Amino acid sequence: MKEILEPSLALAPTPIALISYGEFRKSNITTIAWTGIICSDPMMVYVSIRPSRYAHKIISETNEFVINLPNEKQINEINICGTKSGRDLDKFQKCNFTKVKTNKISTAYIKECPISLECKVKEVKKLGTHDMFIAEIVSVIADDKILNDKKSILFERANLISYVSAKYFKLNEI
């Protein structure tokens, strides 16, 4: 038997992403769970961010960001980047993350994350509590340890995590 429930955020799991933003020297990071693929040709993604967040302000100004996919060993850093404001703290420094220059945009990516997607904003949709930044993927950076001989990503080697109902899970445990 099934029960009818009130509308809720019951879509799960969702990816956890560390979004780096801002010009390279001033790059900072925020944690996002509202992100995903929305189109394959052209390759498009979205991140949804509350307008009150510092990351929203900077991404609105620069029209670019990097989706960095953290691994299972970075939960403490994910929590720091999700609970502290970039207005007050350099999260690259606080989390001992290494800033690396991207290939096609001016924002840094996080060296310690196994996969990073460089993104250029194409459109912003105001939705209510969050604005959705729709962006084109312009480059993907992946650790060579998770690639096969054809340069395809072997996601099972990346040890990525997801988010379900305020908890983190290793992708192979869901």
Foldseek 3Di string as FASTA:
>chain_A
DDDDDDDDPQDDWFFWWWKWFDFAVLIATAIFRPKDWDDVVQTKMKTKDFCVAPRNVRCVVFQWIKTFFAAPVCPVLNVCRHPDGSVVDRSCVVSVWDFDADDPGRTTDTPNGFKMFIWGFDDWDDDDRIIMGMTGGPDMDGDPVQADPVRDGNVVVRNTWTDDPRDIDGPVVD
